[in-house]
PDB file of N, CA and C in Angstrom:
ATOM      1  N   MET A   1       0.775  -0.936  -0.141  1.00  0.00           N
ATOM      2  CA  MET A   1       0.157  -0.444  -0.154  1.00  0.00           C
ATOM      3  C   MET A   1       0.938   1.218   0.026  1.00  0.00           C
ATOM      4  N   PHE A   2       0.129   2.417  -0.121  1.00  0.00           N
ATOM      5  CA  PHE A   2       0.958   3.516   0.026  1.00  0.00           C
ATOM      6  C   PHE A   2       0.815   4.191   0.929  1.00  0.00           C
ATOM      7  N   GLU A   3       1.645   5.358   0.872  1.00  0.00           N
ATOM      8  CA  GLU A   3       1.928   5.974   2.485  1.00  0.00           C
ATOM      9  C   GLU A   3       0.661   7.154   1.798  1.00  0.00           C
ATOM     10  N   ALA A   4       0.015   7.782   2.798  1.00  0.00           N
ATOM     11  CA  ALA A   4      -1.304   8.436   2.681  1.00  0.00           C
ATOM     12  C   ALA A   4      -1.217   9.943   2.173  1.00  0.00           C
ATOM     13  N   SER A   5      -0.248  10.294   2.718  1.00  0.00           N
ATOM     14  CA  SER A   5       0.709  11.879   1.951  1.00  0.00           C
ATOM     15  C   SER A   5       0.691  11.633   0.741  1.00  0.00           C
ATOM     16  N   ASP A   6       1.250  10.802   0.248  1.00  0.00           N
ATOM     17  CA  ASP A   6       1.614   9.813  -1.409  1.00  0.00           C
ATOM     18  C   ASP A   6       0.446  10.095  -1.894  1.00  0.00           C
ATOM     19  N   ILE A   7      -0.716   9.479  -1.325  1.00  0.00           N
ATOM     20  CA  ILE A   7      -2.037   9.527  -2.427  1.00  0.00           C
ATOM     21  C   ILE A   7      -2.889  10.505  -2.637  1.00  0.00           C
ATOM     22  N   ARG A   8      -2.913  11.186  -1.514  1.00  0.00           N
ATOM     23  CA  ARG A   8      -2.993  12.677  -2.040  1.00  0.00           C
ATOM     24  C   ARG A   8      -2.192  13.868  -2.812  1.00  0.00           C
ATOM     25  N   GLU A   9      -1.215  13.259  -3.244  1.00  0.00           N
ATOM     26  CA  GLU A   9      -0.748  14.310  -4.250  1.00  0.00           C
ATOM     27  C   GLU A   9      -1.667  13.772  -5.800  1.00  0.00           C
ATOM     28  N   TRP A  10      -1.969  12.392  -5.714  1.00  0.00           N
ATOM     29  CA  TRP A  10      -2.591  11.814  -6.339  1.00  0.00           C
ATOM     30  C   TRP A  10      -4.007  12.658  -7.240  1.00  0.00           C
ATOM     31  N   ARG A  11      -5.047  13.417  -6.483  1.00  0.00           N
ATOM     32  CA  ARG A  11      -5.998  14.252  -6.267  1.00  0.00           C
ATOM     33  C   ARG A  11      -6.531  15.146  -7.777  1.00  0.00           C
ATOM     34  N   GLY A  12      -7.156  14.866  -8.541  1.00  0.00           N
ATOM     35  CA  GLY A  12      -7.102  15.297  -9.897  1.00  0.00           C
ATOM     36  C   GLY A  12      -6.448  14.129 -10.970  1.00  0.00           C
ATOM     37  N   HIS A  13      -6.233  13.251 -10.331  1.00  0.00           N
ATOM     38  CA  HIS A  13      -5.681  11.936 -11.562  1.00  0.00           C
ATOM     39  C   HIS A  13      -6.867  11.204 -11.920  1.00  0.00           C
ATOM     40  N   ASP A  14      -6.305  10.575 -13.264  1.00  0.00           N
ATOM     41  CA  ASP A  14      -7.719   9.650 -13.590  1.00  0.00           C
ATOM     42  C   ASP A  14      -7.315   8.668 -12.602  1.00  0.00           C
ATOM     43  N   VAL A  15      -9.080   8.038 -12.420  1.00  0.00           N
ATOM     44  CA  VAL A  15      -8.944   6.839 -11.729  1.00  0.00           C
ATOM     45  C   VAL A  15      -9.599   5.410 -12.590  1.00  0.00           C
ATOM     46  N   VAL A  16      -8.687   4.280 -12.834  1.00  0.00           N
ATOM     47  CA  VAL A  16      -9.202   3.351 -14.264  1.00  0.00           C
ATOM     48  C   VAL A  16      -8.946   1.887 -13.126  1.00  0.00           C
ATOM     49  N   ASP A  17     -10.386   0.808 -13.530  1.00  0.00           N
ATOM     50  CA  ASP A  17      -9.920  -0.328 -13.198  1.00  0.00           C
ATOM     51  C   ASP A  17      -9.388  -1.166 -13.910  1.00  0.00           C
ATOM     52  N   PRO A  18      -9.348  -2.989 -13.652  1.00  0.00           N
ATOM     53  CA  PRO A  18      -8.488  -3.530 -13.518  1.00  0.00           C
ATOM     54  C   PRO A  18      -7.944  -3.634 -14.850  1.00  0.00           C
ATOM     55  N   GLY A  19      -9.175  -3.333 -15.845  1.00  0.00           N
ATOM     56  CA  GLY A  19      -8.856  -3.219 -17.426  1.00  0.00           C
ATOM     57  C   GLY A  19      -8.650  -2.119 -18.309  1.00  0.00           C
ATOM     58  N   GLY A  20      -7.879  -0.809 -17.102  1.00  0.00           N
ATOM     59  CA  GLY A  20      -7.644   0.094 -17.903  1.00  0.00           C
ATOM     60  C   GLY A  20      -8.730   1.303 -17.683  1.00  0.00           C
ATOM     61  N   HIS A  21      -9.649   0.949 -18.058  1.00  0.00           N
ATOM     62  CA  HIS A  21     -11.010   1.832 -18.099  1.00  0.00           C
ATOM     63  C   HIS A  21     -11.316   2.701 -17.406  1.00  0.00           C
ATOM     64  N   LYS A  22     -11.005   4.204 -17.737  1.00  0.00           N
ATOM     65  CA  LYS A  22     -11.480   5.137 -16.696  1.00  0.00           C
ATOM     66  C   LYS A  22     -13.041   5.300 -16.428  1.00  0.00           C
ATOM     67  N   ILE A  23     -12.696   5.698 -15.383  1.00  0.00           N
ATOM     68  CA  ILE A  23     -14.162   5.519 -13.844  1.00  0.00           C
ATOM     69  C   ILE A  23     -14.079   6.702 -14.091  1.00  0.00           C
ATOM     70  N   GLY A  24     -13.277   7.282 -13.645  1.00  0.00           N
ATOM     71  CA  GLY A  24     -13.362   8.833 -12.941  1.00  0.00           C
ATOM     72  C   GLY A  24     -12.191   9.465 -12.666  1.00  0.00           C
ATOM     73  N   VAL A  25     -12.040  10.844 -12.064  1.00  0.00           N
ATOM     74  CA  VAL A  25     -11.287  11.356 -11.502  1.00  0.00           C
ATOM     75  C   VAL A  25     -11.281  11.368 -10.265  1.00  0.00           C
ATOM     76  N   LEU A  26     -10.129  11.278  -9.526  1.00  0.00           N
ATOM     77  CA  LEU A  26     -10.005  11.265  -7.869  1.00  0.00           C
ATOM     78  C   LEU A  26      -9.915  12.333  -7.485  1.00  0.00           C
ATOM     79  N   GLU A  27     -10.881  12.100  -6.403  1.00  0.00           N
ATOM     80  CA  GLU A  27     -11.493  13.762  -5.604  1.00  0.00           C
ATOM     81  C   GLU A  27     -11.134  13.739  -4.282  1.00  0.00           C
ATOM     82  N   SER A  28     -11.099  12.560  -3.713  1.00  0.00           N
ATOM     83  CA  SER A  28     -10.451  12.996  -2.058  1.00  0.00           C
ATOM     84  C   SER A  28     -10.470  10.780  -1.576  1.00  0.00           C
ATOM     85  N   ILE A  29      -9.248  10.625  -0.505  1.00  0.00           N
ATOM     86  CA  ILE A  29      -9.349  10.173  -0.032  1.00  0.00           C
ATOM     87  C   ILE A  29      -9.758   9.996   1.879  1.00  0.00           C
ATOM     88  N   TYR A  30     -10.093   9.201   1.880  1.00  0.00           N
ATOM     89  CA  TYR A  30     -10.790   8.272   3.622  1.00  0.00           C
ATOM     90  C   TYR A  30      -9.961   7.676   4.057  1.00  0.00           C
ATOM     91  N   VAL A  31      -9.627   7.633   5.131  1.00  0.00           N
ATOM     92  CA  VAL A  31      -8.816   7.272   5.683  1.00  0.00           C
ATOM     93  C   VAL A  31      -9.378   6.138   6.776  1.00  0.00           C
ATOM     94  N   ASP A  32      -9.005   5.268   7.814  1.00  0.00           N
ATOM     95  CA  ASP A  32      -9.753   4.140   8.837  1.00  0.00           C
ATOM     96  C   ASP A  32      -9.207   4.466   9.597  1.00  0.00           C
ATOM     97  N   THR A  33     -10.222   5.002  10.519  1.00  0.00           N
ATOM     98  CA  THR A  33      -9.693   5.824  11.436  1.00  0.00           C
ATOM     99  C   THR A  33      -9.316   4.853  12.773  1.00  0.00           C
ATOM    100  N   GLY A  34      -9.306   3.619  12.531  1.00  0.00           N
ATOM    101  CA  GLY A  34      -8.211   3.022  13.691  1.00  0.00           C
ATOM    102  C   GLY A  34      -7.322   2.695  13.579  1.00  0.00           C
ATOM    103  N   THR A  35      -6.682   2.821  12.268  1.00  0.00           N
ATOM    104  CA  THR A  35      -6.140   2.581  11.238  1.00  0.00           C
ATOM    105  C   THR A  35      -4.997   3.917  11.172  1.00  0.00           C
ATOM    106  N   ASP A  36      -5.505   5.289  10.390  1.00  0.00           N
ATOM    107  CA  ASP A  36      -5.214   6.218   9.661  1.00  0.00           C
ATOM    108  C   ASP A  36      -4.430   5.839   8.963  1.00  0.00           C
ATOM    109  N   GLN A  37      -5.250   5.033   8.038  1.00  0.00           N
ATOM    110  CA  GLN A  37      -4.171   4.313   6.735  1.00  0.00           C
ATOM    111  C   GLN A  37      -5.326   4.477   5.243  1.00  0.00           C
ATOM    112  N   PRO A  38      -5.093   4.876   4.128  1.00  0.00           N
ATOM    113  CA  PRO A  38      -5.797   5.101   3.324  1.00  0.00           C
ATOM    114  C   PRO A  38      -6.756   3.834   3.258  1.00  0.00           C
ATOM    115  N   SER A  39      -8.355   3.685   3.428  1.00  0.00           N
ATOM    116  CA  SER A  39      -8.689   2.542   3.439  1.00  0.00           C
ATOM    117  C   SER A  39     -10.051   3.197   2.140  1.00  0.00           C
ATOM    118  N   PHE A  40     -10.714   4.036   1.347  1.00  0.00           N
ATOM    119  CA  PHE A  40     -11.328   4.767   0.351  1.00  0.00           C
ATOM    120  C   PHE A  40     -11.296   5.415  -0.170  1.00  0.00           C
ATOM    121  N   ALA A  41     -11.532   5.501  -1.414  1.00  0.00           N
ATOM    122  CA  ALA A  41     -11.429   6.582  -2.521  1.00  0.00           C
ATOM    123  C   ALA A  41     -12.611   7.350  -2.757  1.00  0.00           C
ATOM    124  N   THR A  42     -13.072   8.709  -3.365  1.00  0.00           N
ATOM    125  CA  THR A  42     -14.388   9.070  -4.002  1.00  0.00           C
ATOM    126  C   THR A  42     -13.649   9.526  -5.514  1.00  0.00           C
ATOM    127  N   VAL A  43     -14.777   8.881  -5.941  1.00  0.00           N
ATOM    128  CA  VAL A  43     -13.980   9.332  -7.826  1.00  0.00           C
ATOM    129  C   VAL A  43     -15.186  10.490  -8.126  1.00  0.00           C
ATOM    130  N   THR A  44     -15.267  11.289  -9.165  1.00  0.00           N
ATOM    131  CA  THR A  44     -15.786  11.922  -9.863  1.00  0.00           C
ATOM    132  C   THR A  44     -16.391  11.311 -11.029  1.00  0.00           C
ATOM    133  N   VAL A  45     -17.887  11.037 -10.822  1.00  0.00           N
ATOM    134  CA  VAL A  45     -18.157   9.705 -11.978  1.00  0.00           C
ATOM    135  C   VAL A  45     -20.128  10.630 -12.659  1.00  0.00           C
ATOM    136  N   GLY A  46     -20.383  10.238 -13.570  1.00  0.00           N
ATOM    137  CA  GLY A  46     -21.851  10.872 -14.064  1.00  0.00           C
ATOM    138  C   GLY A  46     -21.698  11.724 -15.399  1.00  0.00           C
ATOM    139  N   LEU A  47     -22.778  12.405 -15.555  1.00  0.00           N
ATOM    140  CA  LEU A  47     -22.625  13.708 -16.655  1.00  0.00           C
ATOM    141  C   LEU A  47     -22.270  15.001 -15.961  1.00  0.00           C
ATOM    142  N   PRO A  48     -21.632  15.958 -16.751  1.00  0.00           N
ATOM    143  CA  PRO A  48     -21.345  16.854 -16.352  1.00  0.00           C
ATOM    144  C   PRO A  48     -22.189  17.336 -15.637  1.00  0.00           C
ATOM    145  N   THR A  49     -23.500  17.253 -15.651  1.00  0.00           N
ATOM    146  CA  THR A  49     -24.960  17.777 -15.246  1.00  0.00           C
ATOM    147  C   THR A  49     -25.237  17.559 -14.159  1.00  0.00           C
ATOM    148  N   ARG A  50     -24.189  16.285 -14.095  1.00  0.00           N
ATOM    149  CA  ARG A  50     -25.405  15.242 -12.686  1.00  0.00           C
ATOM    150  C   ARG A  50     -23.918  14.447 -11.644  1.00  0.00           C
ATOM    151  N   ARG A  51     -22.889  15.297 -11.702  1.00  0.00           N
ATOM    152  CA  ARG A  51     -22.089  14.593 -11.191  1.00  0.00           C
ATOM    153  C   ARG A  51     -21.655  14.723  -9.606  1.00  0.00           C
ATOM    154  N   ARG A  52     -21.340  12.963  -9.397  1.00  0.00           N
ATOM    155  CA  ARG A  52     -21.376  12.562  -8.005  1.00  0.00           C
ATOM    156  C   ARG A  52     -20.221  12.047  -7.291  1.00  0.00           C
ATOM    157  N   LEU A  53     -20.145  11.516  -6.424  1.00  0.00           N
ATOM    158  CA  LEU A  53     -18.596  10.993  -5.946  1.00  0.00           C
ATOM    159  C   LEU A  53     -18.832   9.897  -5.721  1.00  0.00           C
ATOM    160  N   ALA A  54     -17.972   8.716  -6.149  1.00  0.00           N
ATOM    161  CA  ALA A  54     -18.641   7.052  -5.646  1.00  0.00           C
ATOM    162  C   ALA A  54     -17.886   6.572  -4.866  1.00  0.00           C
ATOM    163  N   PHE A  55     -18.063   5.829  -3.753  1.00  0.00           N
ATOM    164  CA  PHE A  55     -16.810   5.524  -3.305  1.00  0.00           C
ATOM    165  C   PHE A  55     -15.702   4.017  -3.804  1.00  0.00           C
ATOM    166  N   VAL A  56     -14.902   3.957  -3.524  1.00  0.00           N
ATOM    167  CA  VAL A  56     -13.932   2.835  -3.959  1.00  0.00           C
ATOM    168  C   VAL A  56     -13.093   2.382  -3.164  1.00  0.00           C
ATOM    169  N   PRO A  57     -13.022   0.924  -2.975  1.00  0.00           N
ATOM    170  CA  PRO A  57     -11.908   0.479  -1.697  1.00  0.00           C
ATOM    171  C   PRO A  57     -10.889   0.711  -2.191  1.00  0.00           C
ATOM    172  N   LEU A  58      -9.420   0.914  -1.818  1.00  0.00           N
ATOM    173  CA  LEU A  58      -8.187   0.898  -2.154  1.00  0.00           C
ATOM    174  C   LEU A  58      -7.569   0.253  -1.697  1.00  0.00           C
ATOM    175  N   THR A  59      -7.987  -1.031  -1.379  1.00  0.00           N
ATOM    176  CA  THR A  59      -7.152  -2.708  -0.707  1.00  0.00           C
ATOM    177  C   THR A  59      -6.957  -3.190  -2.463  1.00  0.00           C
ATOM    178  N   GLY A  60      -5.796  -3.248  -3.096  1.00  0.00           N
ATOM    179  CA  GLY A  60      -5.111  -3.097  -4.020  1.00  0.00           C
ATOM    180  C   GLY A  60      -4.832  -2.110  -5.527  1.00  0.00           C
ATOM    181  N   ALA A  61      -5.102  -0.908  -4.755  1.00  0.00           N
ATOM    182  CA  ALA A  61      -4.695  -0.265  -5.596  1.00  0.00           C
ATOM    183  C   ALA A  61      -3.643  -0.328  -5.849  1.00  0.00           C
ATOM    184  N   THR A  62      -3.166   0.109  -7.231  1.00  0.00           N
ATOM    185  CA  THR A  62      -1.287   0.434  -7.533  1.00  0.00           C
ATOM    186  C   THR A  62      -1.439   1.915  -8.586  1.00  0.00           C
ATOM    187  N   VAL A  63      -0.175   2.788  -8.285  1.00  0.00           N
ATOM    188  CA  VAL A  63      -0.514   3.863  -9.132  1.00  0.00           C
ATOM    189  C   VAL A  63       0.680   3.846 -10.134  1.00  0.00           C
ATOM    190  N   GLY A  64       0.554   4.278 -11.554  1.00  0.00           N
ATOM    191  CA  GLY A  64       0.968   4.336 -12.786  1.00  0.00           C
ATOM    192  C   GLY A  64       1.208   5.236 -13.095  1.00  0.00           C
ATOM    193  N   PRO A  65       2.020   6.272 -14.115  1.00  0.00           N
ATOM    194  CA  PRO A  65       1.764   7.023 -14.308  1.00  0.00           C
ATOM    195  C   PRO A  65       0.545   8.397 -14.290  1.00  0.00           C
ATOM    196  N   ASN A  66       0.482   9.021 -13.943  1.00  0.00           N
ATOM    197  CA  ASN A  66      -0.779   9.631 -13.908  1.00  0.00           C
ATOM    198  C   ASN A  66      -2.266   9.269 -13.992  1.00  0.00           C
ATOM    199  N   TYR A  67      -2.285   7.949 -13.054  1.00  0.00           N
ATOM    200  CA  TYR A  67      -3.651   6.924 -12.790  1.00  0.00           C
ATOM    201  C   TYR A  67      -3.478   6.500 -11.518  1.00  0.00           C
ATOM    202  N   LEU A  68      -4.640   6.016 -10.946  1.00  0.00           N
ATOM    203  CA  LEU A  68      -4.715   5.398 -10.088  1.00  0.00           C
ATOM    204  C   LEU A  68      -5.047   3.832 -10.209  1.00  0.00           C
ATOM    205  N   LYS A  69      -4.577   2.767 -10.275  1.00  0.00           N
ATOM    206  CA  LYS A  69      -5.890   1.700 -10.539  1.00  0.00           C
ATOM    207  C   LYS A  69      -6.277   0.727  -9.702  1.00  0.00           C
ATOM    208  N   VAL A  70      -7.893   1.148  -9.319  1.00  0.00           N
ATOM    209  CA  VAL A  70      -8.147   0.012  -8.186  1.00  0.00           C
ATOM    210  C   VAL A  70      -8.258  -1.248  -8.712  1.00  0.00           C
ATOM    211  N   ALA A  71      -8.918  -2.050  -8.085  1.00  0.00           N
ATOM    212  CA  ALA A  71      -9.195  -3.484  -8.069  1.00  0.00           C
ATOM    213  C   ALA A  71     -10.585  -3.925  -8.436  1.00  0.00           C
ATOM    214  N   HIS A  72     -11.615  -2.671  -8.478  1.00  0.00           N
ATOM    215  CA  HIS A  72     -12.977  -2.918  -8.764  1.00  0.00           C
ATOM    216  C   HIS A  72     -13.508  -2.351 -10.276  1.00  0.00           C
ATOM    217  N   SER A  73     -14.277  -3.069 -11.012  1.00  0.00           N
ATOM    218  CA  SER A  73     -14.288  -2.385 -12.360  1.00  0.00           C
ATOM    219  C   SER A  73     -15.278  -0.965 -12.509  1.00  0.00           C
ATOM    220  N   LYS A  74     -15.510  -0.521 -13.476  1.00  0.00           N
ATOM    221  CA  LYS A  74     -15.721   0.040 -13.544  1.00  0.00           C
ATOM    222  C   LYS A  74     -17.242   0.400 -13.152  1.00  0.00           C
ATOM    223  N   ASP A  75     -18.134  -0.770 -13.496  1.00  0.00           N
ATOM    224  CA  ASP A  75     -19.099  -0.686 -13.325  1.00  0.00           C
ATOM    225  C   ASP A  75     -19.998  -0.849 -11.744  1.00  0.00           C
ATOM    226  N   ALA A  76     -19.162  -1.716 -11.313  1.00  0.00           N
ATOM    227  CA  ALA A  76     -18.942  -1.662  -9.911  1.00  0.00           C
ATOM    228  C   ALA A  76     -19.306  -0.477  -9.271  1.00  0.00           C
ATOM    229  N   VAL A  77     -17.958   0.493  -9.530  1.00  0.00           N
ATOM    230  CA  VAL A  77     -17.745   1.692  -8.739  1.00  0.00           C
ATOM    231  C   VAL A  77     -18.906   2.581  -9.594  1.00  0.00           C
ATOM    232  N   ARG A  78     -19.397   2.356 -10.432  1.00  0.00           N
ATOM    233  CA  ARG A  78     -20.462   3.845 -10.698  1.00  0.00           C
ATOM    234  C   ARG A  78     -22.007   3.410  -9.942  1.00  0.00           C
ATOM    235  N   LYS A  79     -21.818   2.105  -9.438  1.00  0.00           N
ATOM    236  CA  LYS A  79     -22.598   1.212  -8.619  1.00  0.00           C
ATOM    237  C   LYS A  79     -22.641   1.630  -7.118  1.00  0.00           C
ATOM    238  N   ALA A  80     -21.519   2.008  -6.683  1.00  0.00           N
ATOM    239  CA  ALA A  80     -21.438   2.171  -5.406  1.00  0.00           C
ATOM    240  C   ALA A  80     -22.029   3.230  -4.630  1.00  0.00           C
ATOM    241  N   PRO A  81     -22.545   3.341  -3.662  1.00  0.00           N
ATOM    242  CA  PRO A  81     -22.534   4.763  -2.657  1.00  0.00           C
ATOM    243  C   PRO A  81     -21.681   5.654  -3.335  1.00  0.00           C
ATOM    244  N   SER A  82     -23.027   7.082  -3.277  1.00  0.00           N
ATOM    245  CA  SER A  82     -22.253   7.938  -3.672  1.00  0.00           C
ATOM    246  C   SER A  82     -23.081   9.146  -3.098  1.00  0.00           C
ATOM    247  N   ILE A  83     -22.103  10.487  -3.056  1.00  0.00           N
ATOM    248  CA  ILE A  83     -22.458  11.786  -2.040  1.00  0.00           C
ATOM    249  C   ILE A  83     -22.305  12.586  -2.874  1.00  0.00           C
ATOM    250  N   ASP A  84     -22.843  14.139  -3.360  1.00  0.00           N
ATOM    251  CA  ASP A  84     -22.927  14.454  -3.539  1.00  0.00           C
ATOM    252  C   ASP A  84     -21.349  15.188  -3.963  1.00  0.00           C
ATOM    253  N   THR A  85     -21.444  16.036  -5.000  1.00  0.00           N
ATOM    254  CA  THR A  85     -19.578  16.744  -5.011  1.00  0.00           C
ATOM    255  C   THR A  85     -19.866  17.223  -3.588  1.00  0.00           C
ATOM    256  N   ASP A  86     -20.353  18.373  -3.351  1.00  0.00           N
ATOM    257  CA  ASP A  86     -20.197  18.734  -2.405  1.00  0.00           C
ATOM    258  C   ASP A  86     -20.891  18.530  -0.849  1.00  0.00           C
ATOM    259  N   GLY A  87     -21.242  16.967  -0.941  1.00  0.00           N
ATOM    260  CA  GLY A  87     -21.723  16.242   0.131  1.00  0.00           C
ATOM    261  C   GLY A  87     -20.605  15.838   0.868  1.00  0.00           C
ATOM    262  N   GLU A  88     -21.366  15.212   2.071  1.00  0.00           N
ATOM    263  CA  GLU A  88     -20.690  15.061   3.433  1.00  0.00           C
ATOM    264  C   GLU A  88     -21.589  12.767   3.322  1.00  0.00           C
ATOM    265  N   LEU A  89     -20.100  12.376   3.507  1.00  0.00           N
ATOM    266  CA  LEU A  89     -21.004  11.005   3.953  1.00  0.00           C
ATOM    267  C   LEU A  89     -21.193  10.965   5.444  1.00  0.00           C
ATOM    268  N   SER A  90     -22.400  10.695   6.003  1.00  0.00           N
ATOM    269  CA  SER A  90     -23.019  10.566   7.050  1.00  0.00           C
ATOM    270  C   SER A  90     -23.118   9.613   7.644  1.00  0.00           C
ATOM    271  N   ALA A  91     -22.495   8.939   8.121  1.00  0.00           N
ATOM    272  CA  ALA A  91     -22.467   7.352   9.490  1.00  0.00           C
ATOM    273  C   ALA A  91     -23.570   6.905   9.658  1.00  0.00           C
ATOM    274  N   THR A  92     -24.567   7.208   9.038  1.00  0.00           N
ATOM    275  CA  THR A  92     -25.538   6.007   8.890  1.00  0.00           C
ATOM    276  C   THR A  92     -25.234   5.428   7.149  1.00  0.00           C
ATOM    277  N   GLU A  93     -24.642   6.008   6.310  1.00  0.00           N
ATOM    278  CA  GLU A  93     -24.095   5.477   4.942  1.00  0.00           C
ATOM    279  C   GLU A  93     -23.086   4.512   5.191  1.00  0.00           C
ATOM    280  N   GLU A  94     -22.132   4.754   6.120  1.00  0.00           N
ATOM    281  CA  GLU A  94     -21.095   3.878   5.930  1.00  0.00           C
ATOM    282  C   GLU A  94     -21.062   3.039   5.939  1.00  0.00           C
ATOM    283  N   PRO A  95     -22.185   1.751   6.506  1.00  0.00           N
ATOM    284  CA  PRO A  95     -21.952   0.431   6.572  1.00  0.00           C
ATOM    285  C   PRO A  95     -22.395  -0.336   5.125  1.00  0.00           C
ATOM    286  N   ASP A  96     -23.138   0.960   4.436  1.00  0.00           N
ATOM    287  CA  ASP A  96     -23.557   0.315   3.089  1.00  0.00           C
ATOM    288  C   ASP A  96     -22.507   0.699   2.385  1.00  0.00           C
ATOM    289  N   VAL A  97     -21.655   1.464   2.063  1.00  0.00           N
ATOM    290  CA  VAL A  97     -20.412   1.598   1.712  1.00  0.00           C
ATOM    291  C   VAL A  97     -19.558  -0.102   1.279  1.00  0.00           C
ATOM    292  N   PHE A  98     -19.371  -0.115   2.919  1.00  0.00           N
ATOM    293  CA  PHE A  98     -18.496  -1.283   2.913  1.00  0.00           C
ATOM    294  C   PHE A  98     -19.894  -2.394   2.809  1.00  0.00           C
ATOM    295  N   ALA A  99     -20.844  -2.595   2.049  1.00  0.00           N
ATOM    296  CA  ALA A  99     -21.469  -3.516   1.775  1.00  0.00           C
ATOM    297  C   ALA A  99     -21.351  -3.615   0.508  1.00  0.00           C
ATOM    298  N   HIS A 100     -21.429  -2.812   0.110  1.00  0.00           N
ATOM    299  CA  HIS A 100     -21.447  -2.658  -1.421  1.00  0.00           C
ATOM    300  C   HIS A 100     -20.420  -3.539  -2.088  1.00  0.00           C
ATOM    301  N   TYR A 101     -19.471  -3.548  -1.374  1.00  0.00           N
ATOM    302  CA  TYR A 101     -17.873  -4.006  -1.835  1.00  0.00           C
ATOM    303  C   TYR A 101     -17.698  -5.375  -1.140  1.00  0.00           C
ATOM    304  N   GLU A 102     -18.855  -5.870  -0.140  1.00  0.00           N
ATOM    305  CA  GLU A 102     -18.626  -7.192   0.250  1.00  0.00           C
ATOM    306  C   GLU A 102     -17.733  -6.967   1.442  1.00  0.00           C
ATOM    307  N   LEU A 103     -16.998  -5.884   1.922  1.00  0.00           N
ATOM    308  CA  LEU A 103     -16.350  -5.749   3.243  1.00  0.00           C
ATOM    309  C   LEU A 103     -16.873  -5.633   4.679  1.00  0.00           C
ATOM    310  N   PRO A 104     -16.074  -5.941   5.602  1.00  0.00           N
ATOM    311  CA  PRO A 104     -16.917  -6.290   6.390  1.00  0.00           C
ATOM    312  C   PRO A 104     -17.256  -4.609   7.461  1.00  0.00           C
ATOM    313  N   TYR A 105     -17.991  -4.965   7.546  1.00  0.00           N
ATOM    314  CA  TYR A 105     -18.008  -3.234   8.633  1.00  0.00           C
ATOM    315  C   TYR A 105     -18.323  -3.090  10.117  1.00  0.00           C
ATOM    316  N   ALA A 106     -17.295  -2.851  10.903  1.00  0.00           N
ATOM    317  CA  ALA A 106     -17.357  -2.247  12.435  1.00  0.00           C
ATOM    318  C   ALA A 106     -17.334  -0.908  12.956  1.00  0.00           C
ATOM    319  N   PRO A 107     -18.301  -0.491  13.333  1.00  0.00           N
ATOM    320  CA  PRO A 107     -17.731   0.804  14.095  1.00  0.00           C
ATOM    321  C   PRO A 107     -17.073   0.872  14.866  1.00  0.00           C
ATOM    322  N   GLY A 108     -16.300   2.292  15.411  1.00  0.00           N
ATOM    323  CA  GLY A 108     -15.184   1.919  16.085  1.00  0.00           C
ATOM    324  C   GLY A 108     -15.558   1.658  17.928  1.00  0.00           C
ATOM    325  N   ALA A 109     -14.471   1.163  18.662  1.00  0.00           N
ATOM    326  CA  ALA A 109     -14.975   0.806  19.888  1.00  0.00           C
ATOM    327  C   ALA A 109     -15.695   1.460  20.893  1.00  0.00           C
ATOM    328  N   GLY A 110     -15.839   2.465  20.605  1.00  0.00           N
ATOM    329  CA  GLY A 110     -16.806   3.694  20.778  1.00  0.00           C
ATOM    330  C   GLY A 110     -17.521   4.173  20.357  1.00  0.00           C
ATOM    331  N   GLY A 111     -17.787   3.254  19.335  1.00  0.00           N
ATOM    332  CA  GLY A 111     -18.914   4.018  17.957  1.00  0.00           C
ATOM    333  C   GLY A 111     -18.697   4.937  17.464  1.00  0.00           C
ATOM    334  N   GLU A 112     -17.835   5.364  17.704  1.00  0.00           N
ATOM    335  CA  GLU A 112     -17.054   6.376  16.065  1.00  0.00           C
ATOM    336  C   GLU A 112     -17.145   6.368  15.011  1.00  0.00           C
ATOM    337  N   ARG A 113     -16.781   6.888  14.303  1.00  0.00           N
ATOM    338  CA  ARG A 113     -17.387   6.919  12.362  1.00  0.00           C
ATOM    339  C   ARG A 113     -15.615   5.396  12.294  1.00  0.00           C
ATOM    340  N   ARG A 114     -15.813   4.994  11.229  1.00  0.00           N
ATOM    341  CA  ARG A 114     -15.091   4.111  10.433  1.00  0.00           C
ATOM    342  C   ARG A 114     -14.392   4.872   9.500  1.00  0.00           C
ATOM    343  N   LEU A 115     -14.347   5.754   8.640  1.00  0.00           N
ATOM    344  CA  LEU A 115     -14.066   7.115   7.629  1.00  0.00           C
ATOM    345  C   LEU A 115     -13.825   7.747   8.149  1.00  0.00           C
ATOM    346  N   ALA A 116     -12.858   8.123   7.567  1.00  0.00           N
ATOM    347  CA  ALA A 116     -12.794   9.948   7.475  1.00  0.00           C
ATOM    348  C   ALA A 116     -11.643  10.109   6.928  1.00  0.00           C
ATOM    349  N   ARG A 117     -12.512  11.740   5.964  1.00  0.00           N
ATOM    350  CA  ARG A 117     -11.901  12.311   4.993  1.00  0.00           C
ATOM    351  C   ARG A 117     -10.192  13.438   5.319  1.00  0.00           C
ATOM    352  N   ARG A 118      -9.678  12.780   4.099  1.00  0.00           N
ATOM    353  CA  ARG A 118      -8.330  13.912   4.683  1.00  0.00           C
ATOM    354  C   ARG A 118      -7.981  14.297   3.057  1.00  0.00           C
TER     355      ARG A 118
END
């Protein structure tokens, strides 16, 4: 995996699927609050008049020249839970993001959120 400070530098670069198909543009990184390691990214997807930020896990992601390749298909990312381009992920929506990718979800020991935007 890459360091959180490094991945933030990729903001604005293309995000592609395993086949090299462009999904969208990297908008932001969400870290796991328990480890402070990059966990999810948001990708700008949709038509110019209906842009939204879709969530995609960073597990298995690799960086290349001017792109971030994620381990999930373009279709899976476009169907993932999303927020408005100026929106925030609510605590009640967090489990849905993990469930979409069939990842285990558990809030922090004190009930705190699992993801934090960096």
